[in-house]
Protein backbone atom coordinates (compact mmCIF):
# COMPACT_ATOMS: atom_id res chain seq x y z
CA MET A 1 -129.51 245.86 -183.91
CA LYS A 2 -126.24 244.53 -182.55
CA THR A 3 -124.97 246.29 -179.44
CA ARG A 4 -121.63 248.04 -180.02
CA VAL A 5 -118.81 247.21 -177.62
CA LYS A 6 -115.47 248.96 -177.20
CA VAL A 7 -113.25 245.99 -178.14
CA SER A 8 -113.80 242.80 -180.13
CA VAL A 9 -111.28 240.03 -179.37
CA LEU A 10 -110.93 237.51 -182.21
CA MET A 11 -109.45 234.03 -181.74
CA SER A 12 -109.06 231.38 -184.43
CA VAL A 13 -108.84 227.77 -183.19
CA PHE A 14 -107.65 224.73 -185.11
CA ASN A 15 -106.99 221.49 -183.20
CA THR A 16 -105.40 223.32 -180.28
CA ASP A 17 -105.32 221.38 -177.00
CA PHE A 18 -108.34 222.40 -174.93
CA ALA A 19 -106.21 223.11 -171.85
CA LEU A 20 -104.42 225.83 -173.82
CA ILE A 21 -107.68 227.18 -175.27
CA ARG A 22 -109.17 227.38 -171.80
CA ARG A 23 -106.12 229.29 -170.56
CA ALA A 24 -106.52 231.75 -173.44
CA ILE A 25 -110.26 232.20 -172.80
CA ASP A 26 -109.76 232.68 -169.06
CA SER A 27 -107.12 235.35 -169.71
CA VAL A 28 -109.66 237.37 -171.70
CA MET A 29 -112.41 236.91 -169.14
CA SER A 30 -110.14 238.19 -166.37
CA GLN A 31 -109.20 241.48 -168.06
CA ASP A 32 -109.33 244.63 -165.95
CA PHE A 33 -111.20 246.20 -168.91
CA GLN A 34 -114.53 244.45 -169.45
CA ASP A 35 -116.28 246.27 -172.32
CA PHE A 36 -115.51 243.58 -174.89
CA GLU A 37 -116.97 240.74 -176.91
CA PHE A 38 -114.98 237.58 -177.57
CA ILE A 39 -115.40 235.92 -180.96
CA ILE A 40 -114.03 232.37 -181.26
CA ILE A 41 -113.75 231.02 -184.81
CA ASP A 42 -113.36 227.24 -184.86
CA ASP A 43 -111.43 226.63 -188.09
CA GLY A 44 -112.75 223.11 -188.67
CA SER A 45 -111.14 221.45 -185.64
CA SER A 46 -111.42 217.65 -185.53
CA ASN A 47 -110.04 217.01 -182.03
CA ASP A 48 -112.93 218.34 -179.95
CA THR A 49 -114.88 215.09 -179.93
CA HIS A 50 -116.48 215.81 -176.56
CA HIS A 51 -117.27 219.43 -177.50
CA LYS A 52 -115.24 220.91 -174.64
CA LEU A 53 -114.68 224.17 -176.51
CA LEU A 54 -118.33 224.59 -177.46
CA ASN A 55 -119.51 223.78 -173.94
CA TYR A 56 -117.02 226.23 -172.40
CA ALA A 57 -118.16 228.90 -174.83
CA ILE A 58 -121.76 228.24 -173.80
CA GLU A 59 -120.77 228.76 -170.15
CA HIS A 60 -119.68 232.28 -171.15
CA GLN A 61 -122.31 232.89 -173.83
CA ASN A 62 -123.04 236.36 -172.47
CA ARG A 63 -119.56 237.39 -173.72
CA ILE A 64 -118.56 234.77 -176.31
CA ILE A 65 -119.69 234.37 -179.91
CA TYR A 66 -118.79 230.93 -181.27
CA LEU A 67 -118.45 230.42 -185.03
CA ARG A 68 -117.39 227.32 -186.93
CA HIS A 69 -116.53 226.57 -190.55
CA PHE A 70 -114.43 224.12 -192.57
CA ASN A 71 -110.68 224.58 -192.38
CA ARG A 72 -109.71 227.83 -194.14
CA GLY A 73 -106.62 228.91 -192.23
CA GLN A 74 -106.04 231.61 -189.64
CA SER A 75 -106.17 234.59 -191.99
CA GLU A 76 -109.57 233.76 -193.46
CA SER A 77 -110.91 232.82 -190.03
CA ILE A 78 -109.91 236.18 -188.56
CA ASN A 79 -111.39 237.97 -191.59
CA ARG A 80 -114.69 236.21 -190.86
CA GLY A 81 -114.43 237.26 -187.23
CA VAL A 82 -114.05 240.88 -188.34
CA LEU A 83 -117.27 240.62 -190.36
CA ASN A 84 -119.15 239.31 -187.32
CA SER A 85 -117.69 241.78 -184.82
CA SER A 86 -119.16 244.99 -183.42
CA GLY A 87 -116.22 246.55 -181.57
CA GLU A 88 -114.92 250.06 -182.02
CA TYR A 89 -111.48 248.44 -181.75
CA LEU A 90 -110.43 244.95 -182.84
CA THR A 91 -107.63 242.71 -181.66
CA ILE A 92 -106.54 239.08 -181.84
CA LEU A 93 -105.46 236.29 -179.50
CA ASP A 94 -103.76 233.06 -180.56
CA ALA A 95 -105.42 230.02 -178.98
CA ASP A 96 -102.18 228.81 -177.37
CA ASP A 97 -101.20 232.18 -175.88
CA GLU A 98 -102.71 234.44 -173.20
CA TYR A 99 -103.18 238.05 -172.13
CA LYS A 100 -101.92 239.58 -168.93
CA PRO A 101 -104.85 241.10 -166.99
CA ASN A 102 -104.06 244.63 -168.19
CA HIS A 103 -103.55 243.84 -171.87
CA LEU A 104 -106.70 245.40 -173.34
CA SER A 105 -106.54 248.50 -171.13
CA SER A 106 -102.86 248.99 -171.97
CA CYS A 107 -103.53 248.74 -175.70
CA LEU A 108 -106.37 251.24 -175.47
CA GLN A 109 -104.07 253.75 -173.80
CA GLU A 110 -101.81 253.62 -176.87
CA MET A 111 -104.57 254.50 -179.32
CA GLU A 112 -104.72 258.27 -178.82
CA TYR A 113 -102.15 258.84 -181.57
CA ALA A 114 -102.52 255.66 -183.61
CA ASP A 115 -105.04 253.79 -185.72
CA LEU A 116 -103.21 250.46 -185.41
CA ILE A 117 -100.52 249.19 -183.08
CA ALA A 118 -98.42 246.06 -182.75
CA SER A 119 -96.53 245.34 -179.56
CA THR A 120 -93.64 243.37 -178.19
CA THR A 121 -94.44 240.33 -176.06
CA GLU A 122 -93.37 238.45 -172.99
CA THR A 123 -91.99 235.52 -174.95
CA ILE A 124 -91.72 232.06 -173.38
CA VAL A 125 -89.00 229.90 -174.95
CA ASP A 126 -87.07 226.70 -174.33
CA GLY A 127 -83.87 228.02 -175.84
CA GLU A 128 -82.34 231.09 -177.47
CA ILE A 129 -83.14 229.86 -180.98
CA ASP A 130 -86.86 230.09 -180.24
CA PHE A 131 -86.57 233.89 -180.20
CA TYR A 132 -85.84 233.81 -183.95
CA VAL A 133 -88.11 233.26 -186.96
CA PRO A 134 -87.49 233.39 -190.74
CA ASP A 135 -87.56 236.86 -192.25
CA LYS A 136 -90.66 237.48 -194.35
CA ASN A 137 -88.63 238.57 -197.39
CA ASP A 138 -85.68 236.17 -197.11
CA HIS A 139 -86.39 232.88 -195.36
CA ASN A 140 -82.66 232.22 -195.06
CA LEU A 141 -82.36 235.12 -192.63
CA MET A 142 -83.55 234.87 -189.01
CA VAL A 143 -85.01 237.82 -187.12
CA HIS A 144 -85.79 238.26 -183.42
CA VAL A 145 -89.49 238.17 -182.54
CA ASP A 146 -89.19 241.59 -180.87
CA ASP A 147 -88.37 242.99 -184.32
CA CYS A 148 -91.39 241.34 -185.94
CA ILE A 149 -95.02 242.27 -186.29
CA LEU A 150 -96.85 239.52 -184.42
CA PHE A 151 -100.36 238.59 -185.54
CA ALA A 152 -102.01 238.50 -182.16
CA THR A 153 -100.51 241.75 -180.85
CA LEU A 154 -102.32 243.77 -183.51
CA PHE A 155 -104.84 246.15 -181.97
CA GLY A 156 -106.59 248.81 -183.98
CA LYS A 157 -109.62 250.78 -185.02
CA ARG A 158 -112.42 248.93 -186.71
CA GLU A 159 -111.98 250.73 -190.01
CA VAL A 160 -108.40 249.41 -190.34
CA PHE A 161 -109.54 245.79 -190.27
CA GLN A 162 -112.44 246.57 -192.59
CA LYS A 163 -110.21 248.15 -195.23
CA VAL A 164 -107.22 245.78 -194.99
CA GLN A 165 -107.89 242.05 -194.91
CA PHE A 166 -105.44 239.33 -193.90
CA GLN A 167 -103.93 237.31 -196.72
CA THR A 168 -103.17 233.58 -196.55
CA LYS A 169 -99.37 233.70 -196.66
CA TYR A 170 -96.31 233.53 -194.44
CA ALA A 171 -95.94 236.70 -192.34
CA ALA A 172 -99.55 237.66 -192.99
CA ASP A 173 -99.29 239.87 -189.89
CA ALA A 174 -96.34 241.89 -191.19
CA HIS A 175 -97.92 242.28 -194.63
CA PHE A 176 -101.16 243.46 -193.01
CA PHE A 177 -99.26 246.04 -190.95
CA GLU A 178 -97.37 247.31 -194.01
CA ARG A 179 -100.51 247.63 -196.11
CA ALA A 180 -102.34 249.35 -193.27
CA SER A 181 -99.52 251.89 -193.02
CA LEU A 182 -100.43 253.14 -196.52
CA TYR A 183 -103.78 254.41 -195.22
CA PHE A 184 -103.52 254.73 -191.45
CA ASN A 185 -101.24 255.83 -188.63
CA VAL A 186 -99.48 252.70 -187.35
CA LYS A 187 -96.85 252.20 -184.66
CA LYS A 188 -94.93 249.50 -182.80
CA VAL A 189 -95.10 249.77 -179.01
CA ASN A 190 -93.27 248.11 -176.12
CA LEU A 191 -96.01 246.74 -173.86
CA LYS A 192 -95.17 243.08 -173.13
CA THR A 193 -98.71 242.48 -171.85
CA TYR A 194 -99.18 239.64 -174.34
CA ILE A 195 -97.69 236.28 -173.32
CA TYR A 196 -96.36 234.54 -176.42
CA TYR A 197 -95.52 230.84 -176.04
CA ARG A 198 -92.80 230.00 -178.54
CA ASN A 199 -92.08 226.66 -176.82
CA ILE A 200 -95.18 224.88 -178.15
CA PRO A 201 -94.13 222.69 -181.13
CA THR A 202 -97.67 222.55 -182.55
CA SER A 203 -98.16 226.34 -182.50
CA THR A 204 -98.96 228.14 -185.73
CA CYS A 205 -95.60 229.92 -185.77
CA ALA A 206 -93.64 226.73 -185.06
CA ILE A 207 -95.38 224.91 -187.91
CA LEU A 208 -94.78 227.79 -190.31
CA LYS A 209 -91.15 227.96 -189.24
CA LYS A 210 -90.68 224.30 -190.16
CA GLN A 211 -92.39 224.84 -193.51
CA VAL A 212 -90.14 227.69 -194.64
CA LEU A 213 -86.84 226.29 -193.37
């Protein structure tokens, strides 16, 4: 029987530079809250020819579960991570971002009166325009990231992620949050313990932004 942990951290990876992946992994390993499992879902990456990611996961195999499948996209990869997780709470990390050391503990403190939270981030940008992304309902409108629901800041009870799956679509995070609100107590919080790099041109958000503009 699989041992239950307090938090399952899920990270989907697709052709992300290993230096960024390693930064993300290290930020999880250095959390001040350590009752977690870390599930990495390799979404069919083709750039890891020397298996750096797999070897680094093996170095931390007491905490990391490594899964791989053909390219399905972030939403389906995270859904698979949910199925393979054991945590009482689930959360996400983008492979090109990182947690501050108190991220998991800070999120847990917010859960007394919520089933699911999303939080604001410490956002790293090159210019003011990077703070803005296309609105999920009208791609001609731009909204500030602080006013958005960001995929990797979602943190919630296991039953939320079991009942509401991520869909493969733009703003899958916001749609997930809205659908979850029909069944659960959800809230947006101001933590800024998640470091969100908006200045990486190959990031998931940057690519989606180009696609919808």
